[in-house]
Amino acid sequence: MECYMMSRARAQALAGGLRSKYPKLGKRIDADVVRMFCQSSTEAERDPTDAEWLERGPLDQVVAWVDVQRLLRANP
């Protein structure tokens, strides 16, 4: 299994992007939960050769990839 990493700064930027995309859910979107959610989801769903995608991929693509409903179930 490939280990995907995401810096705290990237998680904060991604959380900000998600808050912008889903303003009504913004209070429930936390950078730490986003980071853990993305790391575990990426390990299950992404190609192992694409290990830098979380950290360096276009922010809008990563935001679009996040299933916000699954994210919010992880952070009730």
PDB file of N, CA and C in Angstrom:
ATOM      1  N   MET A   1       0.844  -1.174   0.000  1.00  0.00           N
ATOM      2  CA  MET A   1       0.000   0.000   0.000  1.00  0.00           C
ATOM      3  C   MET A   1       0.889   1.237   0.000  1.00  0.00           C
ATOM      4  N   GLU A   2       0.558   2.156  -0.853  1.00  0.00           N
ATOM      5  CA  GLU A   2       1.281   3.425  -0.935  1.00  0.00           C
ATOM      6  C   GLU A   2       0.764   4.358   0.161  1.00  0.00           C
ATOM      7  N   CYS A   3       1.671   5.063   0.798  1.00  0.00           N
ATOM      8  CA  CYS A   3       1.284   6.023   1.837  1.00  0.00           C
ATOM      9  C   CYS A   3       1.212   7.416   1.220  1.00  0.00           C
ATOM     10  N   TYR A   4       0.062   8.014   1.282  1.00  0.00           N
ATOM     11  CA  TYR A   4      -0.142   9.347   0.749  1.00  0.00           C
ATOM     12  C   TYR A   4      -0.045  10.342   1.887  1.00  0.00           C
ATOM     13  N   MET A   5       0.634  11.424   1.650  1.00  0.00           N
ATOM     14  CA  MET A   5       0.806  12.442   2.679  1.00  0.00           C
ATOM     15  C   MET A   5       0.202  13.762   2.198  1.00  0.00           C
ATOM     16  N   MET A   6      -0.208  14.552   3.153  1.00  0.00           N
ATOM     17  CA  MET A   6      -0.731  15.881   2.871  1.00  0.00           C
ATOM     18  C   MET A   6      -0.267  16.785   4.005  1.00  0.00           C
ATOM     19  N   SER A   7       0.354  17.888   3.646  1.00  0.00           N
ATOM     20  CA  SER A   7       0.823  18.824   4.671  1.00  0.00           C
ATOM     21  C   SER A   7      -0.358  19.533   5.323  1.00  0.00           C
ATOM     22  N   ARG A   8      -0.116  20.074   6.485  1.00  0.00           N
ATOM     23  CA  ARG A   8      -1.169  20.825   7.194  1.00  0.00           C
ATOM     24  C   ARG A   8      -1.606  22.036   6.370  1.00  0.00           C
ATOM     25  N   ALA A   9      -0.639  22.710   5.739  1.00  0.00           N
ATOM     26  CA  ALA A   9      -0.977  23.880   4.915  1.00  0.00           C
ATOM     27  C   ALA A   9      -1.875  23.486   3.744  1.00  0.00           C
ATOM     28  N   ARG A  10      -1.583  22.356   3.126  1.00  0.00           N
ATOM     29  CA  ARG A  10      -2.400  21.894   2.004  1.00  0.00           C
ATOM     30  C   ARG A  10      -3.801  21.516   2.494  1.00  0.00           C
ATOM     31  N   ALA A  11      -3.881  20.871   3.655  1.00  0.00           N
ATOM     32  CA  ALA A  11      -5.187  20.500   4.215  1.00  0.00           C
ATOM     33  C   ALA A  11      -6.008  21.750   4.508  1.00  0.00           C
ATOM     34  N   GLN A  12      -5.363  22.790   5.010  1.00  0.00           N
ATOM     35  CA  GLN A  12      -6.076  24.040   5.280  1.00  0.00           C
ATOM     36  C   GLN A  12      -6.565  24.682   3.984  1.00  0.00           C
ATOM     37  N   ALA A  13      -5.728  24.661   2.953  1.00  0.00           N
ATOM     38  CA  ALA A  13      -6.131  25.218   1.651  1.00  0.00           C
ATOM     39  C   ALA A  13      -7.293  24.420   1.068  1.00  0.00           C
ATOM     40  N   LEU A  14      -7.228  23.109   1.183  1.00  0.00           N
ATOM     41  CA  LEU A  14      -8.296  22.255   0.676  1.00  0.00           C
ATOM     42  C   LEU A  14      -9.586  22.479   1.459  1.00  0.00           C
ATOM     43  N   ALA A  15      -9.482  22.595   2.772  1.00  0.00           N
ATOM     44  CA  ALA A  15     -10.666  22.880   3.587  1.00  0.00           C
ATOM     45  C   ALA A  15     -11.269  24.227   3.186  1.00  0.00           C
ATOM     46  N   GLY A  16     -10.434  25.209   2.920  1.00  0.00           N
ATOM     47  CA  GLY A  16     -10.921  26.507   2.458  1.00  0.00           C
ATOM     48  C   GLY A  16     -11.637  26.400   1.128  1.00  0.00           C
ATOM     49  N   GLY A  17     -11.084  25.606   0.217  1.00  0.00           N
ATOM     50  CA  GLY A  17     -11.728  25.387  -1.075  1.00  0.00           C
ATOM     51  C   GLY A  17     -13.073  24.688  -0.931  1.00  0.00           C
ATOM     52  N   LEU A  18     -13.129  23.721  -0.019  1.00  0.00           N
ATOM     53  CA  LEU A  18     -14.394  23.027   0.226  1.00  0.00           C
ATOM     54  C   LEU A  18     -15.418  23.960   0.869  1.00  0.00           C
ATOM     55  N   ARG A  19     -14.974  24.810   1.777  1.00  0.00           N
ATOM     56  CA  ARG A  19     -15.882  25.769   2.394  1.00  0.00           C
ATOM     57  C   ARG A  19     -16.453  26.736   1.359  1.00  0.00           C
ATOM     58  N   SER A  20     -15.610  27.127   0.390  1.00  0.00           N
ATOM     59  CA  SER A  20     -16.075  28.020  -0.676  1.00  0.00           C
ATOM     60  C   SER A  20     -17.094  27.324  -1.570  1.00  0.00           C
ATOM     61  N   LYS A  21     -16.844  26.052  -1.849  1.00  0.00           N
ATOM     62  CA  LYS A  21     -17.728  25.289  -2.720  1.00  0.00           C
ATOM     63  C   LYS A  21     -19.044  24.942  -2.016  1.00  0.00           C
ATOM     64  N   TYR A  22     -18.969  24.710  -0.711  1.00  0.00           N
ATOM     65  CA  TYR A  22     -20.140  24.329   0.079  1.00  0.00           C
ATOM     66  C   TYR A  22     -20.301  25.281   1.265  1.00  0.00           C
ATOM     67  N   PRO A  23     -20.691  26.529   1.028  1.00  0.00           N
ATOM     68  CA  PRO A  23     -20.731  27.519   2.110  1.00  0.00           C
ATOM     69  C   PRO A  23     -21.687  27.164   3.249  1.00  0.00           C
ATOM     70  N   LYS A  24     -22.775  26.488   2.971  1.00  0.00           N
ATOM     71  CA  LYS A  24     -23.719  26.129   4.033  1.00  0.00           C
ATOM     72  C   LYS A  24     -23.150  25.054   4.963  1.00  0.00           C
ATOM     73  N   LEU A  25     -22.184  24.300   4.486  1.00  0.00           N
ATOM     74  CA  LEU A  25     -21.571  23.232   5.290  1.00  0.00           C
ATOM     75  C   LEU A  25     -20.238  23.648   5.872  1.00  0.00           C
ATOM     76  N   GLY A  26     -19.826  24.869   5.602  1.00  0.00           N
ATOM     77  CA  GLY A  26     -18.495  25.343   5.961  1.00  0.00           C
ATOM     78  C   GLY A  26     -18.091  25.161   7.400  1.00  0.00           C
ATOM     79  N   LYS A  27     -19.021  25.353   8.325  1.00  0.00           N
ATOM     80  CA  LYS A  27     -18.685  25.229   9.745  1.00  0.00           C
ATOM     81  C   LYS A  27     -18.318  23.804  10.126  1.00  0.00           C
ATOM     82  N   ARG A  28     -18.747  22.845   9.327  1.00  0.00           N
ATOM     83  CA  ARG A  28     -18.485  21.437   9.636  1.00  0.00           C
ATOM     84  C   ARG A  28     -17.234  20.903   8.964  1.00  0.00           C
ATOM     85  N   ILE A  29     -16.582  21.708   8.125  1.00  0.00           N
ATOM     86  CA  ILE A  29     -15.405  21.254   7.389  1.00  0.00           C
ATOM     87  C   ILE A  29     -14.155  21.686   8.132  1.00  0.00           C
ATOM     88  N   ASP A  30     -13.441  20.728   8.675  1.00  0.00           N
ATOM     89  CA  ASP A  30     -12.266  20.946   9.506  1.00  0.00           C
ATOM     90  C   ASP A  30     -11.015  20.447   8.767  1.00  0.00           C
ATOM     91  N   ALA A  31      -9.940  21.214   8.796  1.00  0.00           N
ATOM     92  CA  ALA A  31      -8.720  20.864   8.060  1.00  0.00           C
ATOM     93  C   ALA A  31      -8.133  19.519   8.499  1.00  0.00           C
ATOM     94  N   ASP A  32      -8.166  19.212   9.785  1.00  0.00           N
ATOM     95  CA  ASP A  32      -7.615  17.937  10.254  1.00  0.00           C
ATOM     96  C   ASP A  32      -8.427  16.750   9.747  1.00  0.00           C
ATOM     97  N   VAL A  33      -9.742  16.886   9.749  1.00  0.00           N
ATOM     98  CA  VAL A  33     -10.590  15.813   9.238  1.00  0.00           C
ATOM     99  C   VAL A  33     -10.410  15.678   7.727  1.00  0.00           C
ATOM    100  N   VAL A  34     -10.294  16.811   7.030  1.00  0.00           N
ATOM    101  CA  VAL A  34     -10.051  16.788   5.589  1.00  0.00           C
ATOM    102  C   VAL A  34      -8.752  16.033   5.296  1.00  0.00           C
ATOM    103  N   ARG A  35      -7.732  16.310   6.061  1.00  0.00           N
ATOM    104  CA  ARG A  35      -6.429  15.665   5.858  1.00  0.00           C
ATOM    105  C   ARG A  35      -6.528  14.152   6.043  1.00  0.00           C
ATOM    106  N   MET A  36      -7.106  13.715   7.141  1.00  0.00           N
ATOM    107  CA  MET A  36      -7.234  12.273   7.393  1.00  0.00           C
ATOM    108  C   MET A  36      -8.138  11.613   6.363  1.00  0.00           C
ATOM    109  N   PHE A  37      -9.243  12.262   6.024  1.00  0.00           N
ATOM    110  CA  PHE A  37     -10.171  11.717   5.044  1.00  0.00           C
ATOM    111  C   PHE A  37      -9.484  11.538   3.689  1.00  0.00           C
ATOM    112  N   CYS A  38      -8.769  12.562   3.250  1.00  0.00           N
ATOM    113  CA  CYS A  38      -8.121  12.509   1.944  1.00  0.00           C
ATOM    114  C   CYS A  38      -7.027  11.453   1.910  1.00  0.00           C
ATOM    115  N   GLN A  39      -6.252  11.355   2.958  1.00  0.00           N
ATOM    116  CA  GLN A  39      -5.185  10.356   2.989  1.00  0.00           C
ATOM    117  C   GLN A  39      -5.759   8.947   2.913  1.00  0.00           C
ATOM    118  N   SER A  40      -6.763   8.650   3.711  1.00  0.00           N
ATOM    119  CA  SER A  40      -7.323   7.297   3.700  1.00  0.00           C
ATOM    120  C   SER A  40      -8.066   7.011   2.394  1.00  0.00           C
ATOM    121  N   SER A  41      -8.795   7.983   1.880  1.00  0.00           N
ATOM    122  CA  SER A  41      -9.518   7.782   0.616  1.00  0.00           C
ATOM    123  C   SER A  41      -8.556   7.616  -0.548  1.00  0.00           C
ATOM    124  N   THR A  42      -7.486   8.378  -0.549  1.00  0.00           N
ATOM    125  CA  THR A  42      -6.519   8.290  -1.632  1.00  0.00           C
ATOM    126  C   THR A  42      -5.832   6.936  -1.632  1.00  0.00           C
ATOM    127  N   GLU A  43      -5.496   6.422  -0.466  1.00  0.00           N
ATOM    128  CA  GLU A  43      -4.871   5.104  -0.387  1.00  0.00           C
ATOM    129  C   GLU A  43      -5.783   4.039  -0.967  1.00  0.00           C
ATOM    130  N   ALA A  44      -7.077   4.197  -0.804  1.00  0.00           N
ATOM    131  CA  ALA A  44      -8.023   3.210  -1.308  1.00  0.00           C
ATOM    132  C   ALA A  44      -8.352   3.394  -2.786  1.00  0.00           C
ATOM    133  N   GLU A  45      -8.245   4.627  -3.306  1.00  0.00           N
ATOM    134  CA  GLU A  45      -8.790   4.915  -4.630  1.00  0.00           C
ATOM    135  C   GLU A  45      -7.790   5.333  -5.707  1.00  0.00           C
ATOM    136  N   ARG A  46      -6.622   5.828  -5.338  1.00  0.00           N
ATOM    137  CA  ARG A  46      -5.704   6.385  -6.338  1.00  0.00           C
ATOM    138  C   ARG A  46      -4.637   5.382  -6.735  1.00  0.00           C
ATOM    139  N   ASP A  47      -4.031   5.614  -7.893  1.00  0.00           N
ATOM    140  CA  ASP A  47      -2.926   4.807  -8.388  1.00  0.00           C
ATOM    141  C   ASP A  47      -1.690   5.087  -7.539  1.00  0.00           C
ATOM    142  N   PRO A  48      -1.003   4.046  -7.038  1.00  0.00           N
ATOM    143  CA  PRO A  48       0.174   4.261  -6.186  1.00  0.00           C
ATOM    144  C   PRO A  48       1.294   5.073  -6.835  1.00  0.00           C
ATOM    145  N   THR A  49       1.353   5.118  -8.155  1.00  0.00           N
ATOM    146  CA  THR A  49       2.393   5.915  -8.812  1.00  0.00           C
ATOM    147  C   THR A  49       2.085   7.410  -8.740  1.00  0.00           C
ATOM    148  N   ASP A  50       0.928   7.750  -8.256  1.00  0.00           N
ATOM    149  CA  ASP A  50       0.470   9.130  -8.207  1.00  0.00           C
ATOM    150  C   ASP A  50       0.519   9.679  -6.775  1.00  0.00           C
ATOM    151  N   ALA A  51       1.579   9.381  -6.058  1.00  0.00           N
ATOM    152  CA  ALA A  51       1.674   9.689  -4.633  1.00  0.00           C
ATOM    153  C   ALA A  51       1.705  11.182  -4.322  1.00  0.00           C
ATOM    154  N   GLU A  52       2.068  12.011  -5.244  1.00  0.00           N
ATOM    155  CA  GLU A  52       2.166  13.450  -4.998  1.00  0.00           C
ATOM    156  C   GLU A  52       0.865  14.203  -5.289  1.00  0.00           C
ATOM    157  N   TRP A  53      -0.133  13.505  -5.744  1.00  0.00           N
ATOM    158  CA  TRP A  53      -1.351  14.160  -6.202  1.00  0.00           C
ATOM    159  C   TRP A  53      -2.020  14.998  -5.114  1.00  0.00           C
ATOM    160  N   LEU A  54      -2.140  14.474  -3.902  1.00  0.00           N
ATOM    161  CA  LEU A  54      -2.787  15.231  -2.827  1.00  0.00           C
ATOM    162  C   LEU A  54      -2.084  16.553  -2.558  1.00  0.00           C
ATOM    163  N   GLU A  55      -0.773  16.501  -2.547  1.00  0.00           N
ATOM    164  CA  GLU A  55       0.003  17.680  -2.167  1.00  0.00           C
ATOM    165  C   GLU A  55       0.200  18.660  -3.318  1.00  0.00           C
ATOM    166  N   ARG A  56       0.351  18.148  -4.524  1.00  0.00           N
ATOM    167  CA  ARG A  56       0.739  19.011  -5.632  1.00  0.00           C
ATOM    168  C   ARG A  56      -0.292  19.122  -6.759  1.00  0.00           C
ATOM    169  N   GLY A  57      -1.328  18.314  -6.695  1.00  0.00           N
ATOM    170  CA  GLY A  57      -2.350  18.374  -7.740  1.00  0.00           C
ATOM    171  C   GLY A  57      -3.102  19.690  -7.691  1.00  0.00           C
ATOM    172  N   PRO A  58      -3.727  20.078  -8.794  1.00  0.00           N
ATOM    173  CA  PRO A  58      -4.504  21.320  -8.806  1.00  0.00           C
ATOM    174  C   PRO A  58      -5.579  21.292  -7.721  1.00  0.00           C
ATOM    175  N   LEU A  59      -5.601  22.333  -6.913  1.00  0.00           N
ATOM    176  CA  LEU A  59      -6.509  22.393  -5.771  1.00  0.00           C
ATOM    177  C   LEU A  59      -7.957  22.176  -6.192  1.00  0.00           C
ATOM    178  N   ASP A  60      -8.367  22.766  -7.305  1.00  0.00           N
ATOM    179  CA  ASP A  60      -9.754  22.612  -7.740  1.00  0.00           C
ATOM    180  C   ASP A  60     -10.088  21.168  -8.083  1.00  0.00           C
ATOM    181  N   GLN A  61      -9.114  20.403  -8.608  1.00  0.00           N
ATOM    182  CA  GLN A  61      -9.345  18.997  -8.913  1.00  0.00           C
ATOM    183  C   GLN A  61      -9.460  18.166  -7.643  1.00  0.00           C
ATOM    184  N   VAL A  62      -8.626  18.475  -6.667  1.00  0.00           N
ATOM    185  CA  VAL A  62      -8.686  17.739  -5.402  1.00  0.00           C
ATOM    186  C   VAL A  62     -10.000  18.060  -4.691  1.00  0.00           C
ATOM    187  N   VAL A  63     -10.409  19.322  -4.700  1.00  0.00           N
ATOM    188  CA  VAL A  63     -11.690  19.719  -4.099  1.00  0.00           C
ATOM    189  C   VAL A  63     -12.834  18.971  -4.783  1.00  0.00           C
ATOM    190  N   ALA A  64     -12.802  18.897  -6.103  1.00  0.00           N
ATOM    191  CA  ALA A  64     -13.856  18.205  -6.848  1.00  0.00           C
ATOM    192  C   ALA A  64     -13.866  16.708  -6.550  1.00  0.00           C
ATOM    193  N   TRP A  65     -12.708  16.137  -6.251  1.00  0.00           N
ATOM    194  CA  TRP A  65     -12.595  14.710  -5.961  1.00  0.00           C
ATOM    195  C   TRP A  65     -13.188  14.343  -4.608  1.00  0.00           C
ATOM    196  N   VAL A  66     -13.149  15.259  -3.649  1.00  0.00           N
ATOM    197  CA  VAL A  66     -13.625  14.975  -2.296  1.00  0.00           C
ATOM    198  C   VAL A  66     -15.140  14.769  -2.303  1.00  0.00           C
ATOM    199  N   ASP A  67     -15.570  13.661  -1.758  1.00  0.00           N
ATOM    200  CA  ASP A  67     -16.989  13.387  -1.570  1.00  0.00           C
ATOM    201  C   ASP A  67     -17.383  14.025  -0.241  1.00  0.00           C
ATOM    202  N   VAL A  68     -17.971  15.204  -0.311  1.00  0.00           N
ATOM    203  CA  VAL A  68     -18.240  15.984   0.906  1.00  0.00           C
ATOM    204  C   VAL A  68     -19.204  15.264   1.846  1.00  0.00           C
ATOM    205  N   GLN A  69     -20.112  14.477   1.312  1.00  0.00           N
ATOM    206  CA  GLN A  69     -21.038  13.741   2.180  1.00  0.00           C
ATOM    207  C   GLN A  69     -20.289  12.682   3.001  1.00  0.00           C
ATOM    208  N   ARG A  70     -19.366  11.968   2.371  1.00  0.00           N
ATOM    209  CA  ARG A  70     -18.543  10.999   3.120  1.00  0.00           C
ATOM    210  C   ARG A  70     -17.658  11.718   4.120  1.00  0.00           C
ATOM    211  N   LEU A  71     -17.117  12.864   3.732  1.00  0.00           N
ATOM    212  CA  LEU A  71     -16.268  13.652   4.634  1.00  0.00           C
ATOM    213  C   LEU A  71     -17.063  14.054   5.883  1.00  0.00           C
ATOM    214  N   LEU A  72     -18.281  14.514   5.686  1.00  0.00           N
ATOM    215  CA  LEU A  72     -19.086  14.974   6.809  1.00  0.00           C
ATOM    216  C   LEU A  72     -19.546  13.812   7.695  1.00  0.00           C
ATOM    217  N   ARG A  73     -19.706  12.634   7.114  1.00  0.00           N
ATOM    218  CA  ARG A  73     -20.028  11.459   7.946  1.00  0.00           C
ATOM    219  C   ARG A  73     -18.843  11.112   8.841  1.00  0.00           C
ATOM    220  N   ALA A  74     -17.632  11.424   8.374  1.00  0.00           N
ATOM    221  CA  ALA A  74     -16.432  11.170   9.169  1.00  0.00           C
ATOM    222  C   ALA A  74     -16.273  12.215  10.272  1.00  0.00           C
ATOM    223  N   ASN A  75     -16.960  13.347  10.136  1.00  0.00           N
ATOM    224  CA  ASN A  75     -16.875  14.442  11.107  1.00  0.00           C
ATOM    225  C   ASN A  75     -18.297  14.938  11.440  1.00  0.00           C
ATOM    226  N   PRO A  76     -19.040  14.147  12.227  1.00  0.00           N
ATOM    227  CA  PRO A  76     -20.440  14.499  12.484  1.00  0.00           C
ATOM    228  C   PRO A  76     -20.636  15.755  13.269  1.00  0.00           C
TER     229      PRO A  76
END
